[in-house]
Amino acid sequence: MEQDSALFFDRATVIGINKRALQIAETFAAAGIEVMLAGPNKQQTEAAMAGIGKSIDREIERWGKTESDKRAIMARITPAESLESLKDCKIAVEAMGLNFQDKRGTLERVEQTCTESLELYVIHISTLSVTEIAGASRLRDKVIGMHFLEPVPKIPMVELVRGMHTSDETVETAKKLARLLNKTAVEVFEYPGYITTRVMLPMINEAIQVLMEGIASAEDIDTAIKLGYNLPVGPLTMADELGLETVLRRMDNLFHELGDVKFRPSPLLRKMVRAGKLGRSMGEGFFKYETRDAYESGKND
């Protein structure tokens, strides 16, 4: 990384305190970037940051990180008083979730606060439109989508989604940021689901359908797919890790946008969400978990 690029990426603002936002903040801090973490208020943000510490503690137990790594990462993350207090941010990463109005509203607030200083506005996105979120914003040429996959600190890839108004300079800046984070940037056209979400969700949904039809147990379904295709986890475990509510929202978005029946959520998925069995974060989904997710601040995106 050239020295001027390294200096440009010395600090960033991460907006959101859900699971994915906290993982993004941790990833930035591990790369040496000073992070201002902006939640609804400072108290909630400070409480959510405990999830980052717990996640790193688990990595320490697995010999993946050290106590000194934890101290360095946590020292680089500071809770913001409010989004409006960030008047000189150069890089902002919005990871509020999947609600379109929340994403549009957050961009409008950032536009009012950081128009003069902002150089890059990243939307963490998996199914929504970058162009539609950017709308008529004065910052629309600086807006780009980046789909960070979970667990963000470990997955060495990010999908890069260019909106219709995104400038070439913004794309190159986002690529440099991805390299600094030790991630390969895969450019995709702005189309619902992009690559990873569009390919993986139907597999997860079909596994849920197989379970609902009584063809095999959850354990056997995951074992067959995991061992048969040499995957690190099976589709039902993957669903539990993502969060069943997140899987359902994404499936609903894709079904609404594309109208293809392969994206219609399994009735069992909807039933599980209604029952509050949302996956690892709640201690139970398709499987039961003795320990809940380290990021206890709440839902994923």
Protein backbone atom coordinates (compact mmCIF):
# COMPACT_ATOMS: atom_id res chain seq x y z
CA MET A 1 0.00 0.00 0.00
CA GLU A 2 1.41 3.37 -1.00
CA GLN A 3 2.10 5.74 1.88
CA ASP A 4 -0.48 8.32 0.78
CA SER A 5 -3.13 5.59 0.57
CA ALA A 6 -2.21 4.33 4.02
CA LEU A 7 -2.58 7.85 5.39
CA PHE A 8 -5.94 8.24 3.68
CA PHE A 9 -7.20 5.10 5.40
CA ASP A 10 -6.00 6.08 8.86
CA ARG A 11 -9.54 6.43 10.24
CA ALA A 12 -13.11 5.53 9.36
CA THR A 13 -16.62 5.68 10.75
CA VAL A 14 -18.69 2.49 11.01
CA ILE A 15 -22.42 3.15 11.40
CA GLY A 16 -24.45 0.46 13.15
CA ILE A 17 -24.05 -1.86 16.13
CA ASN A 18 -25.57 -5.07 14.80
CA LYS A 19 -23.46 -8.19 14.44
CA ARG A 20 -22.14 -7.42 10.97
CA ALA A 21 -21.32 -3.80 11.84
CA LEU A 22 -19.31 -4.92 14.87
CA GLN A 23 -17.42 -7.46 12.76
CA ILE A 24 -16.65 -4.76 10.19
CA ALA A 25 -15.39 -2.44 12.93
CA GLU A 26 -13.16 -5.22 14.29
CA THR A 27 -11.78 -5.93 10.80
CA PHE A 28 -10.95 -2.28 10.19
CA ALA A 29 -9.27 -1.94 13.58
CA ALA A 30 -7.24 -5.12 13.03
CA ALA A 31 -5.95 -3.53 9.80
CA GLY A 32 -4.65 -0.53 11.77
CA ILE A 33 -7.54 1.84 11.03
CA GLU A 34 -8.90 4.04 13.81
CA VAL A 35 -12.66 3.42 13.99
CA MET A 36 -15.43 5.66 15.27
CA LEU A 37 -18.38 3.37 15.94
CA ALA A 38 -21.74 5.14 15.69
CA GLY A 39 -24.88 3.61 17.16
CA PRO A 40 -28.17 5.10 18.36
CA ASN A 41 -26.31 6.64 21.32
CA LYS A 42 -22.96 6.31 23.05
CA GLN A 43 -24.26 4.11 25.86
CA GLN A 44 -25.70 1.48 23.50
CA THR A 45 -22.56 1.60 21.38
CA GLU A 46 -20.31 1.04 24.38
CA ALA A 47 -22.44 -1.92 25.44
CA ALA A 48 -22.33 -3.40 21.93
CA MET A 49 -18.54 -3.11 21.83
CA ALA A 50 -18.36 -5.77 24.52
CA GLY A 51 -19.37 -8.23 21.80
CA ILE A 52 -16.18 -7.45 19.89
CA GLY A 53 -14.13 -8.20 22.98
CA LYS A 54 -15.93 -11.50 23.54
CA SER A 55 -15.42 -12.50 19.91
CA ILE A 56 -11.69 -11.83 20.17
CA ASP A 57 -11.57 -13.77 23.45
CA ARG A 58 -12.87 -16.81 21.58
CA GLU A 59 -10.15 -16.36 18.98
CA ILE A 60 -7.58 -16.19 21.77
CA GLU A 61 -8.91 -19.49 23.14
CA ARG A 62 -8.36 -21.02 19.68
CA TRP A 63 -4.84 -19.49 19.46
CA GLY A 64 -6.03 -17.30 16.60
CA LYS A 65 -5.21 -14.03 18.36
CA THR A 66 -3.26 -12.87 21.40
CA GLU A 67 -4.10 -10.59 24.31
CA SER A 68 -1.90 -7.91 22.74
CA ASP A 69 -3.92 -8.21 19.51
CA LYS A 70 -7.09 -7.67 21.52
CA ARG A 71 -5.72 -4.61 23.29
CA ALA A 72 -4.58 -3.07 20.00
CA ILE A 73 -7.90 -3.72 18.25
CA MET A 74 -10.08 -2.46 21.10
CA ALA A 75 -7.89 0.64 21.53
CA ARG A 76 -8.60 1.61 17.92
CA ILE A 77 -12.40 1.53 18.31
CA THR A 78 -14.09 4.53 19.92
CA PRO A 79 -17.84 4.95 20.49
CA ALA A 80 -19.21 8.11 18.90
CA GLU A 81 -21.42 10.49 20.83
CA SER A 82 -23.79 10.56 17.84
CA LEU A 83 -23.69 10.43 14.07
CA GLU A 84 -24.01 14.21 13.96
CA SER A 85 -20.80 14.57 16.00
CA LEU A 86 -18.71 13.12 13.15
CA LYS A 87 -18.21 16.32 11.19
CA ASP A 88 -14.86 15.52 9.57
CA CYS A 89 -15.18 11.85 8.57
CA LYS A 90 -13.49 10.87 5.31
CA ILE A 91 -14.68 7.26 5.12
CA ALA A 92 -18.06 6.07 6.36
CA VAL A 93 -19.31 2.48 6.30
CA GLU A 94 -23.05 2.08 6.83
CA ALA A 95 -24.08 -1.35 8.14
CA MET A 96 -27.52 -0.65 9.58
CA GLY A 97 -29.25 -3.75 8.27
CA LEU A 98 -31.58 -4.55 5.38
CA ASN A 99 -34.19 -1.81 5.80
CA PHE A 100 -34.18 0.52 2.80
CA GLN A 101 -35.56 3.53 4.68
CA ASP A 102 -32.93 3.17 7.42
CA LYS A 103 -30.18 3.13 4.82
CA ARG A 104 -31.56 6.10 2.89
CA GLY A 105 -32.13 8.05 6.12
CA THR A 106 -28.60 7.36 7.36
CA LEU A 107 -27.09 8.63 4.10
CA GLU A 108 -29.17 11.81 4.38
CA ARG A 109 -27.87 12.39 7.93
CA VAL A 110 -24.27 11.82 6.84
CA GLU A 111 -24.80 14.16 3.90
CA GLN A 112 -25.87 16.93 6.28
CA THR A 113 -22.89 16.31 8.56
CA CYS A 114 -19.91 15.32 6.41
CA THR A 115 -20.50 16.62 2.87
CA GLU A 116 -17.27 18.62 2.70
CA SER A 117 -14.95 15.99 4.17
CA LEU A 118 -16.39 12.68 2.95
CA GLU A 119 -14.42 10.83 0.25
CA LEU A 120 -15.98 7.36 0.40
CA TYR A 121 -19.39 6.17 1.56
CA VAL A 122 -19.68 2.39 1.74
CA ILE A 123 -23.05 0.69 2.04
CA HIS A 124 -22.86 -2.84 3.39
CA ILE A 125 -25.41 -4.45 1.13
CA SER A 126 -26.57 -7.85 -0.05
CA THR A 127 -29.90 -7.47 -1.88
CA LEU A 128 -30.86 -3.77 -2.05
CA SER A 129 -29.96 -1.27 -4.80
CA VAL A 130 -27.00 1.06 -4.30
CA THR A 131 -28.40 3.41 -6.94
CA GLU A 132 -31.81 3.60 -5.27
CA ILE A 133 -30.33 4.22 -1.81
CA ALA A 134 -28.02 6.94 -3.15
CA GLY A 135 -30.98 8.54 -4.92
CA ALA A 136 -30.47 12.25 -5.54
CA SER A 137 -27.86 12.63 -2.80
CA ARG A 138 -25.08 15.13 -3.41
CA LEU A 139 -22.73 12.33 -2.35
CA ARG A 140 -24.04 9.77 -4.85
CA ASP A 141 -20.78 9.67 -6.85
CA LYS A 142 -18.96 8.65 -3.63
CA VAL A 143 -21.40 5.88 -2.72
CA ILE A 144 -20.49 2.24 -3.35
CA GLY A 145 -21.76 -1.09 -2.08
CA MET A 146 -19.50 -3.60 -0.34
CA HIS A 147 -20.94 -6.95 0.71
CA PHE A 148 -18.88 -8.27 3.62
CA LEU A 149 -19.51 -11.96 4.30
CA GLU A 150 -19.60 -13.43 7.78
CA PRO A 151 -17.41 -13.90 9.71
CA VAL A 152 -16.03 -10.64 8.33
CA PRO A 153 -12.60 -10.85 10.04
CA LYS A 154 -11.94 -14.25 8.42
CA ILE A 155 -13.54 -14.19 4.96
CA PRO A 156 -10.85 -12.97 2.48
CA MET A 157 -13.32 -11.63 -0.08
CA VAL A 158 -15.76 -8.76 -0.46
CA GLU A 159 -18.25 -8.09 -3.26
CA LEU A 160 -17.90 -4.61 -4.74
CA VAL A 161 -21.15 -3.15 -6.11
CA ARG A 162 -21.05 -0.03 -8.25
CA GLY A 163 -24.15 2.15 -8.44
CA MET A 164 -25.09 4.03 -11.61
CA HIS A 165 -23.67 7.28 -10.21
CA THR A 166 -20.56 5.81 -8.55
CA SER A 167 -17.40 7.44 -9.93
CA ASP A 168 -14.33 5.58 -11.20
CA GLU A 169 -12.30 7.25 -8.45
CA THR A 170 -14.67 5.87 -5.81
CA VAL A 171 -14.33 2.35 -7.22
CA GLU A 172 -10.52 2.57 -7.12
CA THR A 173 -10.61 3.91 -3.57
CA ALA A 174 -12.85 1.03 -2.48
CA LYS A 175 -10.45 -1.46 -4.09
CA LYS A 176 -7.55 0.05 -2.15
CA LEU A 177 -9.57 -0.21 1.04
CA ALA A 178 -10.30 -3.88 0.33
CA ARG A 179 -6.59 -4.58 -0.17
CA LEU A 180 -5.75 -2.88 3.12
CA LEU A 181 -8.31 -5.16 4.80
CA ASN A 182 -6.60 -8.19 3.15
CA LYS A 183 -9.67 -8.95 1.06
CA THR A 184 -10.04 -9.72 -2.63
CA ALA A 185 -12.57 -7.34 -4.17
CA VAL A 186 -14.90 -9.07 -6.65
CA GLU A 187 -16.73 -6.56 -8.84
CA VAL A 188 -20.35 -7.41 -9.58
CA PHE A 189 -23.12 -5.71 -11.51
CA GLU A 190 -25.84 -4.05 -9.46
CA TYR A 191 -28.42 -6.81 -9.52
CA PRO A 192 -30.40 -8.30 -6.62
CA GLY A 193 -28.38 -10.86 -4.70
CA TYR A 194 -25.13 -10.30 -6.62
CA ILE A 195 -23.13 -13.57 -6.59
CA THR A 196 -22.87 -15.03 -3.10
CA THR A 197 -26.36 -14.29 -1.80
CA ARG A 198 -28.06 -15.35 -5.02
CA VAL A 199 -26.20 -18.67 -5.17
CA MET A 200 -26.20 -19.65 -1.49
CA LEU A 201 -29.71 -18.68 -0.36
CA PRO A 202 -31.53 -21.13 -2.67
CA MET A 203 -29.30 -23.92 -1.36
CA ILE A 204 -30.13 -23.00 2.24
CA ASN A 205 -33.82 -22.69 1.39
CA GLU A 206 -33.86 -26.09 -0.35
CA ALA A 207 -32.16 -27.70 2.65
CA ILE A 208 -34.91 -26.26 4.86
CA GLN A 209 -37.51 -27.63 2.45
CA VAL A 210 -35.90 -31.10 2.56
CA LEU A 211 -36.11 -30.95 6.36
CA MET A 212 -39.76 -29.85 6.26
CA GLU A 213 -40.65 -32.73 3.94
CA GLY A 214 -39.12 -35.22 6.39
CA ILE A 215 -36.58 -36.58 3.91
CA ALA A 216 -33.74 -36.43 6.46
CA SER A 217 -32.86 -34.96 9.84
CA ALA A 218 -31.13 -31.59 10.17
CA GLU A 219 -27.93 -33.34 11.22
CA ASP A 220 -27.97 -35.70 8.23
CA ILE A 221 -28.76 -32.93 5.75
CA ASP A 222 -25.78 -30.91 6.94
CA THR A 223 -23.50 -33.96 7.04
CA ALA A 224 -24.43 -34.94 3.47
CA ILE A 225 -23.78 -31.49 2.03
CA LYS A 226 -20.73 -30.73 4.16
CA LEU A 227 -18.91 -34.00 3.43
CA GLY A 228 -20.35 -34.57 -0.03
CA TYR A 229 -19.22 -31.20 -1.35
CA ASN A 230 -16.25 -30.58 0.97
CA LEU A 231 -17.77 -27.47 2.57
CA PRO A 232 -16.73 -26.14 5.99
CA VAL A 233 -20.32 -26.17 7.29
CA GLY A 234 -23.68 -27.47 6.13
CA PRO A 235 -26.52 -25.23 4.86
CA LEU A 236 -28.63 -25.41 8.04
CA THR A 237 -25.66 -24.51 10.23
CA MET A 238 -24.92 -21.68 7.81
CA ALA A 239 -28.51 -20.46 8.20
CA ASP A 240 -28.19 -20.54 12.00
CA GLU A 241 -24.94 -18.57 11.80
CA LEU A 242 -26.42 -15.94 9.49
CA GLY A 243 -29.59 -15.71 11.56
CA LEU A 244 -32.88 -17.11 10.29
CA GLU A 245 -34.52 -13.69 10.31
CA THR A 246 -31.73 -12.40 8.07
CA VAL A 247 -32.14 -15.37 5.71
CA LEU A 248 -35.90 -14.77 5.55
CA ARG A 249 -35.57 -11.04 4.85
CA ARG A 250 -33.06 -11.67 2.09
CA MET A 251 -35.21 -14.37 0.52
CA ASP A 252 -38.25 -12.09 0.65
CA ASN A 253 -36.25 -9.27 -1.00
CA LEU A 254 -35.02 -11.52 -3.80
CA PHE A 255 -38.48 -13.02 -4.37
CA HIS A 256 -39.98 -9.52 -4.51
CA GLU A 257 -37.31 -8.20 -6.89
CA LEU A 258 -36.91 -11.20 -9.21
CA GLY A 259 -40.24 -13.03 -8.89
CA ASP A 260 -38.54 -16.41 -9.30
CA VAL A 261 -40.12 -19.21 -7.24
CA LYS A 262 -36.69 -20.53 -6.29
CA PHE A 263 -36.42 -17.51 -3.97
CA ARG A 264 -39.79 -18.08 -2.29
CA PRO A 265 -39.00 -18.80 1.39
CA SER A 266 -39.80 -22.26 2.73
CA PRO A 267 -42.84 -22.22 5.05
CA LEU A 268 -40.67 -23.85 7.72
CA LEU A 269 -38.24 -20.92 7.62
CA ARG A 270 -41.06 -18.46 8.23
CA LYS A 271 -42.44 -20.68 11.01
CA MET A 272 -39.04 -20.81 12.74
CA VAL A 273 -38.72 -17.02 12.66
CA ARG A 274 -42.23 -16.55 14.05
CA ALA A 275 -41.34 -18.95 16.89
CA GLY A 276 -38.27 -16.88 17.76
CA LYS A 277 -35.88 -19.70 16.86
CA LEU A 278 -33.50 -17.40 15.01
CA GLY A 279 -30.26 -19.35 15.14
CA ARG A 280 -27.06 -19.18 17.15
CA SER A 281 -27.71 -15.60 18.32
CA MET A 282 -30.74 -16.85 20.27
CA GLY A 283 -29.29 -20.21 21.31
CA GLU A 284 -31.58 -22.22 19.03
CA GLY A 285 -32.38 -22.49 15.35
CA PHE A 286 -32.20 -25.70 13.40
CA PHE A 287 -29.73 -26.78 16.08
CA LYS A 288 -29.37 -25.91 19.77
CA TYR A 289 -26.30 -24.06 21.07
CA GLU A 290 -24.86 -24.07 24.57
CA THR A 291 -23.28 -20.65 24.02
CA ARG A 292 -24.96 -17.79 22.23
CA ASP A 293 -23.21 -15.59 19.72
CA ALA A 294 -20.47 -13.39 21.16
CA TYR A 295 -22.09 -10.37 19.54
CA GLU A 296 -25.00 -10.05 21.94
CA SER A 297 -26.09 -6.61 20.74
CA GLY A 298 -28.76 -8.22 18.61
CA LYS A 299 -29.71 -9.10 15.10
CA ASN A 300 -27.53 -9.51 12.09
CA ASP A 301 -28.12 -7.61 8.86
